[in-house]
Amino acid sequence: MNPAVGIQAMNTRTEDYQFNHELTLWEPAQTCLALLATGLSLAWQDDQPIECRLTFQIDSKLYEQIYTKTLFNLKPEIRGSCSDDNFQPDRPIQITATLKPDRLPDLADHASSAEAIVNYLLQLIQEKPDHPLLYTENWLALSVQQQQDSGEIGYTTLWATLNPAAIAAGTVSEADIAQAITQFFSDWTEANLGTLTENATAQIIDEVGNFFNDLADASIDAFADFSQSIPSSNTLLSQIINFFTEDDWSFTKLQGEPALRMVFQGENGAWTCYAKAREEQKQFLFYSLCPIETPEEKRSAIAHFLTRANYGMTIGNFELDFTDGEIRYKTSIDVEGDRLTPALIKNLVYTNVSMMDEYLPGIKAVIEQGVSPEEAIWAIEQPDVAVLVEENV
């Protein structure tokens, strides 16, 4: 779970009440939802309710309805790392939601205990079914989970990280809010390969902006910090991801790093490639890793071969790690003061893999067949001459 903004422990107490009872809530279209409520958590500060969390279970069909209609404010753009594709249809799904802070005053006269709140909700269902506490739009989904044989799967939302109750209570600083938001979006882009679109960004800003506007005591500066903390969709990494997606490459993002890993199949072999973004330096680097590691006794010969190969190279160069014998081809570009375009990425990527594919037979010849560096280079760069010499011999 993502690190979340917490409520400071000053004259605060929390009570959890476990129960099993059907609750009927209403969606905006005035359709009722029958939920199996299993728990309610109530937090007080100076004897005033500051947070009310409701946990309930539903089946997969009702979850699809909730997700499709974005009930409980469960909008796609505020969901974190999501694994609901693996939800099993025959098992219950558990949702925990928190009451919007601006509705907490509705509980004030009934907040002697968590059990009292449950009884109050049941009373409202019978006597005042149109009460705001019974409308799904007044609850914010925090997490969606399912227990499976292999363990619990699911996801948390932006609200679990932001913790509306803590913000409404005024117990957290604007810096803490900005840090929590930044962490959420860092995890979001990690899980979604950086595909945060401008449209999604605008929707998230509007969503959280509306939340801040609903809080009379919330500082507008906190929202300003929030909007500035959202990662730009124009980062180098996002541009790189967009290119490889549009160009139909299969790739994975390296955990915790602004880099992608993929495999390229050339005419002379297959090898691993890495695409790396250096955001602060505004640099893009692409590497092809030779599928053959150089034995220690061949490293001098390979260094000789690669030095000859690099001479005259106009874009990129070969590199040799003398420590472990790794060979790679590197292409890179610095776009300080400019931008990284798909055309620039394409030129660097395809020049890179073409060079590795062209020189790979020579690398193999030196390492595996004992061919001299001069002969191997000659066979690649002067193939017609090499064939004539071989025939005359």
Protein backbone atom coordinates (compact mmCIF):
# COMPACT_ATOMS: atom_id res chain seq x y z
CA MET A 1 0.00 0.00 0.00
CA ASN A 2 1.16 3.50 -0.76
CA PRO A 3 2.44 5.72 2.05
CA ALA A 4 -0.50 7.91 3.09
CA VAL A 5 -0.94 11.21 4.82
CA GLY A 6 -1.86 10.34 8.41
CA ILE A 7 -3.80 11.95 11.20
CA GLN A 8 -1.52 13.19 13.95
CA ALA A 9 -2.07 11.52 17.30
CA MET A 10 -3.21 14.43 19.45
CA ASN A 11 -6.33 13.76 21.50
CA THR A 12 -7.43 11.24 18.89
CA ARG A 13 -9.00 7.83 19.27
CA THR A 14 -10.31 5.21 16.87
CA GLU A 15 -12.88 2.49 17.32
CA ASP A 16 -13.54 -0.45 15.00
CA TYR A 17 -16.88 -2.24 14.98
CA GLN A 18 -17.30 -5.54 13.16
CA PHE A 19 -20.76 -6.65 12.05
CA ASN A 20 -22.63 -8.28 9.16
CA HIS A 21 -25.70 -6.42 7.97
CA GLU A 22 -27.21 -5.46 4.66
CA LEU A 23 -27.09 -1.74 3.93
CA THR A 24 -29.01 -0.07 1.13
CA LEU A 25 -27.29 2.90 -0.46
CA TRP A 26 -28.33 5.00 -3.44
CA GLU A 27 -26.45 5.90 -6.57
CA PRO A 28 -27.01 9.24 -8.38
CA ALA A 29 -29.45 7.60 -10.82
CA GLN A 30 -31.65 6.74 -7.82
CA THR A 31 -30.94 3.03 -8.14
CA CYS A 32 -30.45 1.27 -4.83
CA LEU A 33 -27.43 -0.88 -4.04
CA ALA A 34 -27.70 -3.72 -1.54
CA LEU A 35 -24.34 -4.13 0.19
CA LEU A 36 -23.18 -6.52 2.87
CA ALA A 37 -21.50 -4.19 5.37
CA THR A 38 -18.90 -5.93 7.53
CA GLY A 39 -17.19 -3.17 9.48
CA LEU A 40 -17.16 0.48 10.43
CA SER A 41 -14.25 2.47 11.81
CA LEU A 42 -14.79 5.80 13.54
CA ALA A 43 -12.09 8.27 14.55
CA TRP A 44 -12.50 11.22 16.94
CA GLN A 45 -10.37 14.24 17.68
CA ASP A 46 -11.29 16.18 20.80
CA ASP A 47 -14.49 14.10 20.88
CA GLN A 48 -15.53 15.24 17.41
CA PRO A 49 -15.77 12.67 14.56
CA ILE A 50 -13.00 13.27 12.04
CA GLU A 51 -13.22 10.09 9.96
CA CYS A 52 -15.76 7.37 9.27
CA ARG A 53 -14.78 4.34 7.21
CA LEU A 54 -17.21 1.73 5.98
CA THR A 55 -16.17 -1.73 4.74
CA PHE A 56 -18.54 -3.85 2.70
CA GLN A 57 -18.56 -6.89 0.42
CA ILE A 58 -20.05 -7.23 -3.04
CA ASP A 59 -20.06 -9.76 -5.87
CA SER A 60 -18.22 -9.30 -9.15
CA LYS A 61 -21.38 -8.21 -10.98
CA LEU A 62 -22.04 -5.38 -8.56
CA TYR A 63 -18.37 -4.39 -8.63
CA GLU A 64 -18.59 -4.04 -12.40
CA GLN A 65 -21.59 -1.74 -11.92
CA ILE A 66 -19.75 0.33 -9.31
CA TYR A 67 -16.65 0.61 -11.46
CA THR A 68 -18.51 1.38 -14.70
CA LYS A 69 -20.63 4.10 -13.08
CA THR A 70 -17.69 5.35 -10.92
CA LEU A 71 -19.78 5.00 -7.77
CA PHE A 72 -18.07 5.82 -4.47
CA ASN A 73 -15.93 8.19 -6.58
CA LEU A 74 -14.06 5.17 -7.94
CA LYS A 75 -12.85 6.89 -11.09
CA PRO A 76 -10.17 5.23 -13.25
CA GLU A 77 -7.78 8.17 -13.07
CA ILE A 78 -7.55 8.02 -9.25
CA ARG A 79 -6.98 4.28 -9.00
CA GLY A 80 -3.49 3.19 -8.05
CA SER A 81 -1.61 0.10 -9.23
CA CYS A 82 -4.54 -2.04 -10.26
CA SER A 83 -4.86 -5.83 -10.36
CA ASP A 84 -8.64 -6.21 -10.73
CA ASP A 85 -8.11 -8.04 -14.03
CA ASN A 86 -7.29 -11.05 -11.87
CA PHE A 87 -10.40 -10.83 -9.69
CA GLN A 88 -12.18 -14.19 -9.55
CA PRO A 89 -15.91 -13.97 -10.37
CA ASP A 90 -16.96 -16.49 -7.72
CA ARG A 91 -15.35 -14.69 -4.76
CA PRO A 92 -16.55 -11.61 -2.86
CA ILE A 93 -14.81 -8.27 -3.40
CA GLN A 94 -14.25 -5.99 -0.43
CA ILE A 95 -14.38 -2.21 -0.68
CA THR A 96 -13.42 0.23 2.06
CA ALA A 97 -14.73 3.76 1.68
CA THR A 98 -14.42 6.90 3.79
CA LEU A 99 -17.18 9.45 4.30
CA LYS A 100 -16.48 12.81 2.71
CA PRO A 101 -15.29 15.21 5.43
CA ASP A 102 -18.01 17.74 4.66
CA ARG A 103 -20.63 15.11 5.63
CA LEU A 104 -19.08 14.32 9.03
CA PRO A 105 -21.25 16.94 10.83
CA ASP A 106 -24.22 14.70 9.95
CA LEU A 107 -22.78 12.16 12.40
CA ALA A 108 -22.03 14.52 15.25
CA ASP A 109 -25.18 13.80 17.26
CA HIS A 110 -24.82 10.05 16.87
CA ALA A 111 -21.07 9.52 17.23
CA SER A 112 -20.86 8.15 20.74
CA SER A 113 -19.44 4.92 19.30
CA ALA A 114 -18.89 3.12 16.03
CA GLU A 115 -21.81 0.83 16.82
CA ALA A 116 -24.03 3.88 17.33
CA ILE A 117 -23.13 5.08 13.83
CA VAL A 118 -24.08 1.70 12.37
CA ASN A 119 -27.43 1.81 14.16
CA TYR A 120 -27.96 5.35 12.90
CA LEU A 121 -27.34 4.32 9.30
CA LEU A 122 -29.79 1.43 9.66
CA GLN A 123 -32.33 3.83 11.10
CA LEU A 124 -31.89 6.24 8.20
CA ILE A 125 -32.48 3.43 5.70
CA GLN A 126 -35.85 2.81 7.33
CA GLU A 127 -36.92 6.38 8.07
CA LYS A 128 -34.97 8.74 5.77
CA PRO A 129 -33.73 6.79 2.74
CA ASP A 130 -32.93 10.05 0.93
CA HIS A 131 -30.44 11.18 3.59
CA PRO A 132 -27.05 12.32 2.15
CA LEU A 133 -25.22 9.68 4.20
CA LEU A 134 -26.89 7.00 2.09
CA TYR A 135 -25.70 8.34 -1.26
CA THR A 136 -22.64 6.76 -2.85
CA GLU A 137 -21.28 10.11 -4.10
CA ASN A 138 -20.68 11.12 -0.48
CA TRP A 139 -18.26 8.24 0.07
CA LEU A 140 -14.71 7.96 -1.30
CA ALA A 141 -13.42 4.49 -2.12
CA LEU A 142 -10.04 3.87 -0.46
CA SER A 143 -9.30 0.29 -1.48
CA VAL A 144 -10.71 -2.62 -3.46
CA GLN A 145 -9.49 -6.08 -2.43
CA GLN A 146 -10.23 -9.75 -3.00
CA GLN A 147 -8.95 -12.64 -0.92
CA GLN A 148 -7.69 -15.54 -3.04
CA ASP A 149 -5.89 -18.79 -2.31
CA SER A 150 -2.60 -17.14 -3.26
CA GLY A 151 -3.25 -14.13 -1.03
CA GLU A 152 -4.96 -10.76 -1.24
CA ILE A 153 -5.00 -8.81 -4.49
CA GLY A 154 -6.48 -5.45 -5.47
CA TYR A 155 -5.56 -1.79 -5.37
CA THR A 156 -5.80 1.44 -3.41
CA THR A 157 -6.88 4.85 -4.68
CA LEU A 158 -5.65 8.39 -4.54
CA TRP A 159 -7.95 8.96 -1.57
CA ALA A 160 -6.09 6.33 0.44
CA THR A 161 -2.88 8.28 -0.11
CA LEU A 162 -4.34 11.74 0.25
CA ASN A 163 -6.43 10.91 3.35
CA PRO A 164 -9.23 13.51 3.10
CA ALA A 165 -10.00 13.21 6.80
CA ALA A 166 -6.48 14.28 7.78
CA ILE A 167 -6.60 17.26 5.44
CA ALA A 168 -10.02 18.33 6.69
CA ALA A 169 -8.82 18.03 10.27
CA GLY A 170 -5.92 20.36 9.50
CA THR A 171 -3.40 17.97 11.03
CA VAL A 172 -1.04 17.74 8.06
CA SER A 173 1.17 20.27 6.35
CA GLU A 174 0.96 21.28 2.71
CA ALA A 175 4.41 19.75 2.22
CA ASP A 176 3.13 16.39 3.49
CA ILE A 177 0.18 16.59 1.12
CA ALA A 178 2.40 17.38 -1.85
CA GLN A 179 4.76 14.52 -0.92
CA ALA A 180 1.89 12.03 -0.66
CA ILE A 181 0.49 13.15 -4.01
CA THR A 182 3.89 12.90 -5.67
CA GLN A 183 4.35 9.37 -4.28
CA PHE A 184 0.95 8.30 -5.58
CA PHE A 185 1.66 9.51 -9.09
CA SER A 186 5.13 8.00 -9.04
CA ASP A 187 3.54 4.63 -8.27
CA TRP A 188 0.78 5.29 -10.81
CA THR A 189 3.19 5.92 -13.66
CA GLU A 190 5.31 2.95 -12.53
CA ALA A 191 2.32 0.65 -12.81
CA ASN A 192 0.95 2.16 -16.00
CA LEU A 193 4.28 2.62 -17.79
CA GLY A 194 4.03 6.37 -17.62
CA THR A 195 0.90 6.63 -19.77
CA LEU A 196 -0.59 9.50 -17.79
CA THR A 197 -2.32 11.48 -20.52
CA GLU A 198 -3.00 15.19 -20.46
CA ASN A 199 -6.72 14.43 -20.33
CA ALA A 200 -6.32 12.15 -17.32
CA THR A 201 -4.14 14.75 -15.62
CA ALA A 202 -6.79 17.42 -16.13
CA GLN A 203 -9.47 15.11 -14.75
CA ILE A 204 -7.44 14.35 -11.65
CA ILE A 205 -6.73 18.03 -11.02
CA ASP A 206 -10.45 18.81 -11.34
CA GLU A 207 -11.38 15.92 -9.05
CA VAL A 208 -9.04 16.89 -6.25
CA GLY A 209 -9.69 20.59 -6.85
CA ASN A 210 -13.37 19.99 -6.20
CA PHE A 211 -12.46 18.18 -3.01
CA PHE A 212 -10.38 21.11 -1.76
CA ASN A 213 -13.14 23.52 -2.65
CA ASP A 214 -15.53 21.52 -0.49
CA LEU A 215 -13.32 22.04 2.55
CA ALA A 216 -13.95 25.46 4.00
CA ASP A 217 -10.86 25.32 6.20
CA ALA A 218 -8.47 23.84 3.63
CA SER A 219 -5.75 26.12 2.34
CA ILE A 220 -5.89 26.82 -1.38
CA ASP A 221 -2.09 26.69 -1.34
CA ALA A 222 -2.32 22.95 -0.73
CA PHE A 223 -4.19 22.51 -3.99
CA ALA A 224 -1.63 24.65 -5.78
CA ASP A 225 1.13 22.40 -4.45
CA PHE A 226 -0.89 19.39 -5.60
CA SER A 227 -1.35 20.56 -9.18
CA GLN A 228 2.32 21.38 -9.46
CA SER A 229 3.34 17.97 -8.15
CA ILE A 230 1.66 15.93 -10.92
CA PRO A 231 4.26 14.43 -13.25
CA SER A 232 4.20 15.92 -16.71
CA SER A 233 3.10 13.76 -19.60
CA ASN A 234 5.95 15.38 -21.55
CA THR A 235 8.77 13.77 -19.58
CA LEU A 236 11.47 12.04 -21.56
CA LEU A 237 10.37 8.68 -20.19
CA SER A 238 6.76 9.19 -21.29
CA GLN A 239 7.94 10.17 -24.77
CA ILE A 240 10.14 7.07 -24.94
CA ILE A 241 7.29 4.84 -23.80
CA ASN A 242 4.95 6.39 -26.33
CA PHE A 243 7.43 5.73 -29.13
CA PHE A 244 7.96 2.05 -28.33
CA THR A 245 4.22 1.56 -27.83
CA GLU A 246 3.39 3.14 -31.18
CA ASP A 247 6.23 1.23 -32.87
CA ASP A 248 4.85 -2.10 -31.56
CA TRP A 249 7.80 -3.06 -29.38
CA SER A 250 7.25 -5.39 -26.44
CA PHE A 251 8.97 -3.97 -23.38
CA THR A 252 8.94 -3.84 -19.61
CA LYS A 253 9.75 -0.93 -17.33
CA LEU A 254 12.53 -1.47 -14.81
CA GLN A 255 11.22 -1.18 -11.28
CA GLY A 256 12.21 2.11 -9.70
CA GLU A 257 14.23 3.29 -12.71
CA PRO A 258 13.42 5.56 -15.68
CA ALA A 259 14.35 2.79 -18.10
CA LEU A 260 12.78 0.15 -20.35
CA ARG A 261 14.04 -3.30 -21.27
CA MET A 262 13.23 -5.10 -24.53
CA VAL A 263 14.58 -7.79 -26.86
CA PHE A 264 15.48 -7.19 -30.51
CA GLN A 265 15.73 -9.93 -33.12
CA GLY A 266 18.18 -9.14 -35.89
CA GLU A 267 19.36 -11.14 -38.87
CA ASN A 268 22.44 -12.37 -37.01
CA GLY A 269 21.01 -12.94 -33.52
CA ALA A 270 18.78 -11.66 -30.71
CA TRP A 271 19.86 -9.48 -27.81
CA THR A 272 18.57 -7.32 -24.95
CA CYS A 273 18.19 -3.58 -25.34
CA TYR A 274 17.74 -0.82 -22.76
CA ALA A 275 16.18 2.60 -23.27
CA LYS A 276 17.03 5.05 -20.50
CA ALA A 277 15.88 8.59 -19.69
CA ARG A 278 18.04 11.04 -17.73
CA GLU A 279 15.38 13.61 -16.96
CA GLU A 280 17.52 16.21 -15.18
CA GLN A 281 20.22 16.11 -17.83
CA LYS A 282 17.61 15.96 -20.65
CA GLN A 283 19.38 12.96 -22.18
CA PHE A 284 18.12 9.80 -23.87
CA LEU A 285 20.36 6.73 -24.09
CA PHE A 286 19.78 3.47 -25.91
CA TYR A 287 21.91 0.35 -25.49
CA SER A 288 22.17 -2.96 -27.33
CA LEU A 289 23.83 -5.60 -25.15
CA CYS A 290 25.83 -8.13 -27.10
CA PRO A 291 24.49 -11.64 -26.40
CA ILE A 292 28.05 -12.94 -26.08
CA GLU A 293 30.25 -12.10 -23.10
CA THR A 294 33.96 -11.86 -23.79
CA PRO A 295 36.21 -14.37 -21.98
CA GLU A 296 39.08 -12.72 -20.16
CA GLU A 297 41.69 -14.10 -22.59
CA LYS A 298 39.81 -12.59 -25.57
CA ARG A 299 39.21 -9.10 -24.17
CA SER A 300 42.31 -7.53 -25.65
CA ALA A 301 41.45 -8.90 -29.07
CA ILE A 302 37.85 -7.71 -28.78
CA ALA A 303 39.02 -4.28 -27.62
CA HIS A 304 41.17 -4.15 -30.75
CA PHE A 305 38.20 -5.21 -32.90
CA LEU A 306 35.83 -2.65 -31.30
CA THR A 307 38.39 0.16 -31.63
CA ARG A 308 38.63 -0.54 -35.34
CA ALA A 309 34.83 -0.77 -35.57
CA ASN A 310 34.34 2.57 -33.77
CA TYR A 311 36.68 4.42 -36.12
CA GLY A 312 34.52 6.38 -38.49
CA MET A 313 31.26 5.72 -36.64
CA THR A 314 29.03 8.78 -37.01
CA ILE A 315 26.22 7.84 -34.62
CA GLY A 316 27.01 5.86 -31.50
CA ASN A 317 29.87 3.56 -30.53
CA PHE A 318 30.76 0.18 -29.10
CA GLU A 319 31.81 -0.14 -25.45
CA LEU A 320 33.62 -2.94 -23.63
CA ASP A 321 33.59 -3.52 -19.88
CA PHE A 322 37.00 -5.03 -19.16
CA THR A 323 35.77 -6.18 -15.74
CA ASP A 324 33.15 -8.68 -16.91
CA GLY A 325 33.56 -8.71 -20.69
CA GLU A 326 30.21 -7.12 -21.49
CA ILE A 327 29.95 -5.53 -24.96
CA ARG A 328 27.30 -2.99 -25.81
CA TYR A 329 26.48 -0.44 -28.46
CA LYS A 330 25.36 2.98 -27.26
CA THR A 331 23.51 5.78 -28.99
CA SER A 332 22.47 8.90 -27.10
CA ILE A 333 21.24 12.45 -27.49
CA ASP A 334 21.07 15.56 -25.34
CA VAL A 335 17.88 17.60 -25.89
CA GLU A 336 18.57 20.42 -23.45
CA GLY A 337 16.63 23.44 -24.73
CA ASP A 338 14.70 21.29 -27.20
CA ARG A 339 12.43 18.25 -27.09
CA LEU A 340 12.72 14.54 -27.75
CA THR A 341 10.67 13.65 -30.83
CA PRO A 342 9.67 10.23 -32.19
CA ALA A 343 11.89 10.84 -35.23
CA LEU A 344 14.95 11.40 -33.04
CA ILE A 345 14.22 8.30 -30.98
CA LYS A 346 13.69 6.21 -34.12
CA ASN A 347 17.01 7.27 -35.64
CA LEU A 348 18.95 6.44 -32.49
CA VAL A 349 17.20 3.13 -31.87
CA TYR A 350 17.40 1.69 -35.37
CA THR A 351 20.93 2.91 -35.99
CA ASN A 352 21.87 1.20 -32.75
CA VAL A 353 20.36 -2.21 -33.46
CA SER A 354 21.61 -2.11 -37.07
CA MET A 355 25.19 -1.62 -35.88
CA MET A 356 24.97 -4.46 -33.39
CA ASP A 357 23.47 -6.73 -36.02
CA GLU A 358 26.12 -5.79 -38.58
CA TYR A 359 29.13 -6.32 -36.31
CA LEU A 360 27.84 -9.29 -34.30
CA PRO A 361 29.26 -11.88 -36.75
CA GLY A 362 32.69 -10.26 -36.36
CA ILE A 363 32.43 -10.36 -32.56
CA LYS A 364 31.52 -14.04 -32.73
CA ALA A 365 34.38 -14.74 -35.15
CA VAL A 366 36.96 -13.18 -32.81
CA ILE A 367 35.65 -14.83 -29.64
CA GLU A 368 34.50 -18.23 -30.89
CA GLN A 369 36.67 -18.88 -33.95
CA GLY A 370 39.91 -17.13 -33.08
CA VAL A 371 39.78 -14.85 -36.14
CA SER A 372 42.08 -11.86 -35.85
CA PRO A 373 40.45 -8.43 -35.27
CA GLU A 374 41.82 -7.18 -38.60
CA GLU A 375 40.34 -10.08 -40.55
CA ALA A 376 37.00 -9.83 -38.76
CA ILE A 377 36.68 -6.09 -39.48
CA TRP A 378 37.77 -6.62 -43.06
CA ALA A 379 35.09 -9.27 -43.57
CA ILE A 380 32.42 -6.83 -42.35
CA GLU A 381 33.53 -3.52 -43.82
CA GLN A 382 35.15 -4.83 -47.03
CA PRO A 383 33.19 -8.03 -47.72
CA ASP A 384 33.83 -8.08 -51.49
CA VAL A 385 37.59 -7.72 -50.99
CA ALA A 386 37.56 -10.34 -48.24
CA VAL A 387 35.81 -12.82 -50.54
CA LEU A 388 38.33 -12.21 -53.35
CA VAL A 389 41.27 -12.69 -51.01
CA GLU A 390 39.75 -15.88 -49.62
CA GLU A 391 39.16 -17.24 -53.12
CA ASN A 392 42.75 -16.44 -54.22
CA VAL A 393 44.08 -18.15 -51.15
